[in-house]
């Protein structure tokens, strides 16, 4: 039986490269691809792949929140995070969201097939550099209190925050999430209160730092 694979990445050249890798393997079958996290969630609900290759930084809905939704809604799915970045907060975010693996893009073409087979066997897979970061943190826990989980943002608040810092107006956000303008305004007020932030610039800095948006 072939393992059914889904790719979510906002760069076409990356999607095409990963697709070529997968299509060369007899035991793997590519069932779909998506260019953002929201599309990935919608498509995996229907396609029910065994493994989702998930870019961490994507527009509309980031890889962390997309992973959380997929793991909750698609029984048995394994998510392998794919990122250019090895920041501890992004690694923690993906692992807490339920990812079974974390690969750095610089080594993805050498490690991806091995990682897929390992997670399909029910194990975890981390790129060597990522493993070093996780072990260092375990052996010397950070005293940094700026924990992305500490403010307690809900998934919906994180979605609203991402769309706001990516330039969406209140009406845009309401239409995108199929909620009322009043509800968006309520979420925005709650976000600012929980985080103690009061401007879009401050919210953007927070969102970038915690992997909620890919804005640089």
C-alpha atoms as a PDB file:
ATOM      1  CA  UNK A   1       0.000   0.000   0.000  1.00  0.00           C
ATOM      2  CA  UNK A   2       1.336   3.422  -0.939  1.00  0.00           C
ATOM      3  CA  UNK A   3       1.665   6.257   1.569  1.00  0.00           C
ATOM      4  CA  UNK A   4      -0.516   9.188   0.486  1.00  0.00           C
ATOM      5  CA  UNK A   5       1.401  12.489   0.617  1.00  0.00           C
ATOM      6  CA  UNK A   6       0.174  16.087   0.549  1.00  0.00           C
ATOM      7  CA  UNK A   7       2.438  19.144   0.094  1.00  0.00           C
ATOM      8  CA  UNK A   8       1.677  22.623   1.492  1.00  0.00           C
ATOM      9  CA  UNK A   9       4.152  25.361   0.558  1.00  0.00           C
ATOM     10  CA  UNK A  10       3.647  28.856  -0.821  1.00  0.00           C
ATOM     11  CA  UNK A  11       6.630  28.639  -3.194  1.00  0.00           C
ATOM     12  CA  UNK A  12       5.871  26.839  -6.441  1.00  0.00           C
ATOM     13  CA  UNK A  13       9.490  25.896  -7.066  1.00  0.00           C
ATOM     14  CA  UNK A  14       9.603  24.124  -3.682  1.00  0.00           C
ATOM     15  CA  UNK A  15       6.316  22.325  -4.336  1.00  0.00           C
ATOM     16  CA  UNK A  16       7.521  21.164  -7.737  1.00  0.00           C
ATOM     17  CA  UNK A  17      10.843  19.979  -6.336  1.00  0.00           C
ATOM     18  CA  UNK A  18       9.217  17.988  -3.548  1.00  0.00           C
ATOM     19  CA  UNK A  19       6.678  16.562  -5.969  1.00  0.00           C
ATOM     20  CA  UNK A  20       9.487  15.239  -8.164  1.00  0.00           C
ATOM     21  CA  UNK A  21      11.109  13.558  -5.186  1.00  0.00           C
ATOM     22  CA  UNK A  22       7.885  11.871  -4.115  1.00  0.00           C
ATOM     23  CA  UNK A  23       6.882  10.755  -7.603  1.00  0.00           C
ATOM     24  CA  UNK A  24      10.192   8.913  -7.963  1.00  0.00           C
ATOM     25  CA  UNK A  25       9.362   6.623  -5.023  1.00  0.00           C
ATOM     26  CA  UNK A  26       7.267   3.509  -5.660  1.00  0.00           C
ATOM     27  CA  UNK A  27       5.782   3.432  -2.171  1.00  0.00           C
ATOM     28  CA  UNK A  28       4.675   7.092  -2.148  1.00  0.00           C
ATOM     29  CA  UNK A  29       1.734   8.762  -3.898  1.00  0.00           C
ATOM     30  CA  UNK A  30       1.230  12.522  -4.153  1.00  0.00           C
ATOM     31  CA  UNK A  31      -2.481  13.264  -3.667  1.00  0.00           C
ATOM     32  CA  UNK A  32      -2.478  17.073  -3.666  1.00  0.00           C
ATOM     33  CA  UNK A  33      -0.720  20.387  -3.091  1.00  0.00           C
ATOM     34  CA  UNK A  34      -1.669  23.737  -1.542  1.00  0.00           C
ATOM     35  CA  UNK A  35      -0.155  27.229  -1.573  1.00  0.00           C
ATOM     36  CA  UNK A  36      -1.374  28.390   1.861  1.00  0.00           C
ATOM     37  CA  UNK A  37      -2.359  26.947   5.204  1.00  0.00           C
ATOM     38  CA  UNK A  38      -6.098  27.500   4.892  1.00  0.00           C
ATOM     39  CA  UNK A  39      -6.207  25.712   1.554  1.00  0.00           C
ATOM     40  CA  UNK A  40      -4.130  22.895   3.046  1.00  0.00           C
ATOM     41  CA  UNK A  41      -6.636  22.383   5.865  1.00  0.00           C
ATOM     42  CA  UNK A  42      -9.588  22.353   3.472  1.00  0.00           C
ATOM     43  CA  UNK A  43      -7.960  19.913   1.046  1.00  0.00           C
ATOM     44  CA  UNK A  44      -6.639  17.490   3.674  1.00  0.00           C
ATOM     45  CA  UNK A  45     -10.126  17.210   5.163  1.00  0.00           C
ATOM     46  CA  UNK A  46     -11.269  15.830   1.808  1.00  0.00           C
ATOM     47  CA  UNK A  47      -8.193  13.911   0.664  1.00  0.00           C
ATOM     48  CA  UNK A  48      -7.186  12.434   4.046  1.00  0.00           C
ATOM     49  CA  UNK A  49      -3.485  11.869   3.235  1.00  0.00           C
ATOM     50  CA  UNK A  50      -1.177   9.842   5.454  1.00  0.00           C
ATOM     51  CA  UNK A  51       1.475  12.583   5.553  1.00  0.00           C
ATOM     52  CA  UNK A  52       1.326  16.354   5.086  1.00  0.00           C
ATOM     53  CA  UNK A  53       4.554  18.209   4.282  1.00  0.00           C
ATOM     54  CA  UNK A  54       3.824  21.602   5.869  1.00  0.00           C
ATOM     55  CA  UNK A  55       5.736  24.826   5.293  1.00  0.00           C
ATOM     56  CA  UNK A  56       5.835  26.677   8.616  1.00  0.00           C
ATOM     57  CA  UNK A  57       5.620  30.204   7.166  1.00  0.00           C
ATOM     58  CA  UNK A  58       2.665  30.681   4.833  1.00  0.00           C
ATOM     59  CA  UNK A  59       0.180  33.468   4.078  1.00  0.00           C
ATOM     60  CA  UNK A  60      -3.480  33.491   5.161  1.00  0.00           C
ATOM     61  CA  UNK A  61      -3.019  30.700   7.725  1.00  0.00           C
ATOM     62  CA  UNK A  62       0.430  29.817   9.028  1.00  0.00           C
ATOM     63  CA  UNK A  63       1.792  26.287   9.242  1.00  0.00           C
ATOM     64  CA  UNK A  64       1.532  26.058  13.026  1.00  0.00           C
ATOM     65  CA  UNK A  65      -2.190  26.780  13.151  1.00  0.00           C
ATOM     66  CA  UNK A  66      -2.867  24.761   9.995  1.00  0.00           C
ATOM     67  CA  UNK A  67      -1.081  21.795  11.571  1.00  0.00           C
ATOM     68  CA  UNK A  68      -3.125  22.108  14.756  1.00  0.00           C
ATOM     69  CA  UNK A  69      -6.380  22.013  12.770  1.00  0.00           C
ATOM     70  CA  UNK A  70      -5.280  19.134  10.553  1.00  0.00           C
ATOM     71  CA  UNK A  71      -4.095  16.958  13.449  1.00  0.00           C
ATOM     72  CA  UNK A  72      -7.395  17.592  15.263  1.00  0.00           C
ATOM     73  CA  UNK A  73      -9.610  16.957  12.247  1.00  0.00           C
ATOM     74  CA  UNK A  74      -7.907  14.248  10.176  1.00  0.00           C
ATOM     75  CA  UNK A  75      -7.412  11.046  12.194  1.00  0.00           C
ATOM     76  CA  UNK A  76      -4.038   9.367  11.820  1.00  0.00           C
ATOM     77  CA  UNK A  77      -2.407  12.067   9.690  1.00  0.00           C
ATOM     78  CA  UNK A  78       1.283  12.795  10.221  1.00  0.00           C
ATOM     79  CA  UNK A  79       2.611  16.307   9.634  1.00  0.00           C
ATOM     80  CA  UNK A  80       6.246  17.013   8.774  1.00  0.00           C
ATOM     81  CA  UNK A  81       7.186  20.668   9.225  1.00  0.00           C
ATOM     82  CA  UNK A  82       9.363  22.266   6.575  1.00  0.00           C
ATOM     83  CA  UNK A  83      11.119  25.570   7.257  1.00  0.00           C
ATOM     84  CA  UNK A  84      14.029  27.795   6.328  1.00  0.00           C
ATOM     85  CA  UNK A  85      14.273  28.726   9.998  1.00  0.00           C
ATOM     86  CA  UNK A  86      15.490  26.853  13.062  1.00  0.00           C
ATOM     87  CA  UNK A  87      14.323  29.285  15.745  1.00  0.00           C
ATOM     88  CA  UNK A  88      13.299  27.528  18.926  1.00  0.00           C
ATOM     89  CA  UNK A  89       9.882  29.237  18.982  1.00  0.00           C
ATOM     90  CA  UNK A  90       8.977  27.888  15.549  1.00  0.00           C
ATOM     91  CA  UNK A  91      10.151  24.379  16.395  1.00  0.00           C
ATOM     92  CA  UNK A  92       8.229  24.449  19.676  1.00  0.00           C
ATOM     93  CA  UNK A  93       5.156  25.810  17.937  1.00  0.00           C
ATOM     94  CA  UNK A  94       5.072  23.046  15.338  1.00  0.00           C
ATOM     95  CA  UNK A  95       5.781  20.244  17.812  1.00  0.00           C
ATOM     96  CA  UNK A  96       3.109  21.535  20.195  1.00  0.00           C
ATOM     97  CA  UNK A  97       0.690  21.718  17.274  1.00  0.00           C
ATOM     98  CA  UNK A  98       1.247  17.996  16.716  1.00  0.00           C
ATOM     99  CA  UNK A  99       3.905  17.761  14.005  1.00  0.00           C
ATOM    100  CA  UNK A 100       5.683  14.417  13.851  1.00  0.00           C
ATOM    101  CA  UNK A 101       8.786  15.855  12.206  1.00  0.00           C
ATOM    102  CA  UNK A 102      10.686  19.050  11.482  1.00  0.00           C
ATOM    103  CA  UNK A 103      12.973  19.479   8.473  1.00  0.00           C
ATOM    104  CA  UNK A 104      15.075  22.439   7.429  1.00  0.00           C
ATOM    105  CA  UNK A 105      14.595  23.335   3.763  1.00  0.00           C
ATOM    106  CA  UNK A 106      18.347  23.369   3.167  1.00  0.00           C
ATOM    107  CA  UNK A 107      18.441  19.627   3.808  1.00  0.00           C
ATOM    108  CA  UNK A 108      14.905  18.651   2.802  1.00  0.00           C
ATOM    109  CA  UNK A 109      15.852  17.070  -0.516  1.00  0.00           C
ATOM    110  CA  UNK A 110      18.330  14.755   1.223  1.00  0.00           C
ATOM    111  CA  UNK A 111      16.128  13.914   4.212  1.00  0.00           C
ATOM    112  CA  UNK A 112      12.489  14.084   3.096  1.00  0.00           C
ATOM    113  CA  UNK A 113      11.952  10.523   1.891  1.00  0.00           C
ATOM    114  CA  UNK A 114      13.641   9.109   4.993  1.00  0.00           C
ATOM    115  CA  UNK A 115      11.546  11.391   7.202  1.00  0.00           C
ATOM    116  CA  UNK A 116       8.290  10.320   5.535  1.00  0.00           C
ATOM    117  CA  UNK A 117       9.021   6.634   6.059  1.00  0.00           C
ATOM    118  CA  UNK A 118      10.046   7.186   9.680  1.00  0.00           C
ATOM    119  CA  UNK A 119       6.889   9.119  10.631  1.00  0.00           C
ATOM    120  CA  UNK A 120       4.731   6.600   8.769  1.00  0.00           C
ATOM    121  CA  UNK A 121       6.266   3.972  11.059  1.00  0.00           C
ATOM    122  CA  UNK A 122       4.954   5.924  14.042  1.00  0.00           C
ATOM    123  CA  UNK A 123       8.218   7.594  15.022  1.00  0.00           C
ATOM    124  CA  UNK A 124       9.411  11.220  15.125  1.00  0.00           C
ATOM    125  CA  UNK A 125      11.961  12.766  12.810  1.00  0.00           C
ATOM    126  CA  UNK A 126      13.978  15.945  13.359  1.00  0.00           C
ATOM    127  CA  UNK A 127      16.772  17.306  11.185  1.00  0.00           C
ATOM    128  CA  UNK A 128      20.120  16.999  13.023  1.00  0.00           C
ATOM    129  CA  UNK A 129      20.419  20.771  13.532  1.00  0.00           C
ATOM    130  CA  UNK A 130      16.885  20.849  14.933  1.00  0.00           C
ATOM    131  CA  UNK A 131      17.678  17.953  17.275  1.00  0.00           C
ATOM    132  CA  UNK A 132      20.659  19.905  18.627  1.00  0.00           C
ATOM    133  CA  UNK A 133      18.418  22.910  19.393  1.00  0.00           C
ATOM    134  CA  UNK A 134      15.807  20.750  21.126  1.00  0.00           C
ATOM    135  CA  UNK A 135      18.452  18.978  23.210  1.00  0.00           C
ATOM    136  CA  UNK A 136      20.168  22.229  24.193  1.00  0.00           C
ATOM    137  CA  UNK A 137      16.865  23.630  25.372  1.00  0.00           C
ATOM    138  CA  UNK A 138      16.098  20.449  27.309  1.00  0.00           C
ATOM    139  CA  UNK A 139      19.486  20.460  29.013  1.00  0.00           C
ATOM    140  CA  UNK A 140      19.520  24.241  29.611  1.00  0.00           C
ATOM    141  CA  UNK A 141      15.906  25.467  29.768  1.00  0.00           C
ATOM    142  CA  UNK A 142      15.455  29.069  28.662  1.00  0.00           C
ATOM    143  CA  UNK A 143      14.462  31.594  31.293  1.00  0.00           C
ATOM    144  CA  UNK A 144      12.830  33.765  28.665  1.00  0.00           C
ATOM    145  CA  UNK A 145       9.290  34.505  29.773  1.00  0.00           C
ATOM    146  CA  UNK A 146       8.189  35.540  26.293  1.00  0.00           C
ATOM    147  CA  UNK A 147       6.362  32.262  25.675  1.00  0.00           C
ATOM    148  CA  UNK A 148       3.986  32.284  22.668  1.00  0.00           C
ATOM    149  CA  UNK A 149       1.567  30.132  24.654  1.00  0.00           C
ATOM    150  CA  UNK A 150       1.527  32.372  27.713  1.00  0.00           C
ATOM    151  CA  UNK A 151      -0.927  35.012  26.435  1.00  0.00           C
ATOM    152  CA  UNK A 152      -3.464  32.270  25.731  1.00  0.00           C
ATOM    153  CA  UNK A 153      -4.583  33.372  22.278  1.00  0.00           C
ATOM    154  CA  UNK A 154      -7.276  31.138  20.861  1.00  0.00           C
ATOM    155  CA  UNK A 155      -6.911  29.634  17.394  1.00  0.00           C
ATOM    156  CA  UNK A 156      -9.471  32.121  16.066  1.00  0.00           C
ATOM    157  CA  UNK A 157      -7.577  35.026  17.633  1.00  0.00           C
ATOM    158  CA  UNK A 158      -4.373  33.804  15.984  1.00  0.00           C
ATOM    159  CA  UNK A 159      -6.182  33.636  12.640  1.00  0.00           C
ATOM    160  CA  UNK A 160      -7.504  37.177  13.076  1.00  0.00           C
ATOM    161  CA  UNK A 161      -4.072  38.420  14.144  1.00  0.00           C
ATOM    162  CA  UNK A 162      -2.380  36.929  11.079  1.00  0.00           C
ATOM    163  CA  UNK A 163      -4.894  38.447   8.674  1.00  0.00           C
ATOM    164  CA  UNK A 164      -4.655  41.870  10.356  1.00  0.00           C
ATOM    165  CA  UNK A 165      -0.858  42.065  10.224  1.00  0.00           C
ATOM    166  CA  UNK A 166      -0.902  40.854   6.623  1.00  0.00           C
ATOM    167  CA  UNK A 167      -2.868  43.980   5.739  1.00  0.00           C
ATOM    168  CA  UNK A 168      -6.484  42.897   5.956  1.00  0.00           C
ATOM    169  CA  UNK A 169      -9.118  45.465   6.914  1.00  0.00           C
ATOM    170  CA  UNK A 170     -11.763  44.570   9.474  1.00  0.00           C
ATOM    171  CA  UNK A 171     -14.183  43.883   6.621  1.00  0.00           C
ATOM    172  CA  UNK A 172     -11.592  41.756   4.791  1.00  0.00           C
ATOM    173  CA  UNK A 173     -10.981  39.641   7.888  1.00  0.00           C
ATOM    174  CA  UNK A 174     -14.714  39.235   8.519  1.00  0.00           C
ATOM    175  CA  UNK A 175     -15.308  38.066   4.946  1.00  0.00           C
ATOM    176  CA  UNK A 176     -12.299  35.738   4.953  1.00  0.00           C
ATOM    177  CA  UNK A 177     -13.336  34.013   8.178  1.00  0.00           C
ATOM    178  CA  UNK A 178     -17.082  34.249   7.545  1.00  0.00           C
ATOM    179  CA  UNK A 179     -17.730  36.140  10.786  1.00  0.00           C
ATOM    180  CA  UNK A 180     -19.224  39.540  11.551  1.00  0.00           C
ATOM    181  CA  UNK A 181     -17.294  42.812  11.641  1.00  0.00           C
ATOM    182  CA  UNK A 182     -18.313  43.183  15.292  1.00  0.00           C
ATOM    183  CA  UNK A 183     -16.786  39.774  16.066  1.00  0.00           C
ATOM    184  CA  UNK A 184     -13.512  40.754  14.365  1.00  0.00           C
ATOM    185  CA  UNK A 185     -13.369  43.952  16.412  1.00  0.00           C
ATOM    186  CA  UNK A 186     -14.003  41.945  19.578  1.00  0.00           C
ATOM    187  CA  UNK A 187     -11.206  39.518  18.729  1.00  0.00           C
ATOM    188  CA  UNK A 188      -8.836  42.391  17.949  1.00  0.00           C
ATOM    189  CA  UNK A 189      -9.538  44.032  21.321  1.00  0.00           C
ATOM    190  CA  UNK A 190      -9.033  40.711  23.099  1.00  0.00           C
ATOM    191  CA  UNK A 191      -5.722  40.112  21.296  1.00  0.00           C
ATOM    192  CA  UNK A 192      -4.373  43.529  22.233  1.00  0.00           C
ATOM    193  CA  UNK A 193      -5.469  43.130  25.839  1.00  0.00           C
ATOM    194  CA  UNK A 194      -3.951  39.668  26.226  1.00  0.00           C
ATOM    195  CA  UNK A 195      -0.652  40.651  24.628  1.00  0.00           C
ATOM    196  CA  UNK A 196      -0.448  44.137  26.110  1.00  0.00           C
ATOM    197  CA  UNK A 197       0.144  45.544  22.625  1.00  0.00           C
ATOM    198  CA  UNK A 198      -1.598  48.556  21.134  1.00  0.00           C
ATOM    199  CA  UNK A 199      -0.442  49.157  17.549  1.00  0.00           C
ATOM    200  CA  UNK A 200      -0.357  47.155  14.326  1.00  0.00           C
ATOM    201  CA  UNK A 201       3.446  47.533  14.309  1.00  0.00           C
ATOM    202  CA  UNK A 202       3.687  45.898  17.736  1.00  0.00           C
ATOM    203  CA  UNK A 203       1.275  43.152  16.701  1.00  0.00           C
ATOM    204  CA  UNK A 204       3.281  42.542  13.526  1.00  0.00           C
ATOM    205  CA  UNK A 205       6.527  42.201  15.457  1.00  0.00           C
ATOM    206  CA  UNK A 206       4.894  39.690  17.797  1.00  0.00           C
ATOM    207  CA  UNK A 207       3.354  37.732  14.915  1.00  0.00           C
ATOM    208  CA  UNK A 208       6.655  37.470  13.033  1.00  0.00           C
ATOM    209  CA  UNK A 209       8.570  36.459  16.157  1.00  0.00           C
ATOM    210  CA  UNK A 210       6.133  33.646  16.927  1.00  0.00           C
ATOM    211  CA  UNK A 211       5.659  32.270  13.428  1.00  0.00           C
ATOM    212  CA  UNK A 212       2.094  33.525  13.034  1.00  0.00           C
ATOM    213  CA  UNK A 213       2.989  35.357   9.824  1.00  0.00           C
ATOM    214  CA  UNK A 214       5.751  35.050   7.284  1.00  0.00           C
ATOM    215  CA  UNK A 215       6.255  38.815   6.979  1.00  0.00           C
ATOM    216  CA  UNK A 216       9.901  39.809   7.282  1.00  0.00           C
END
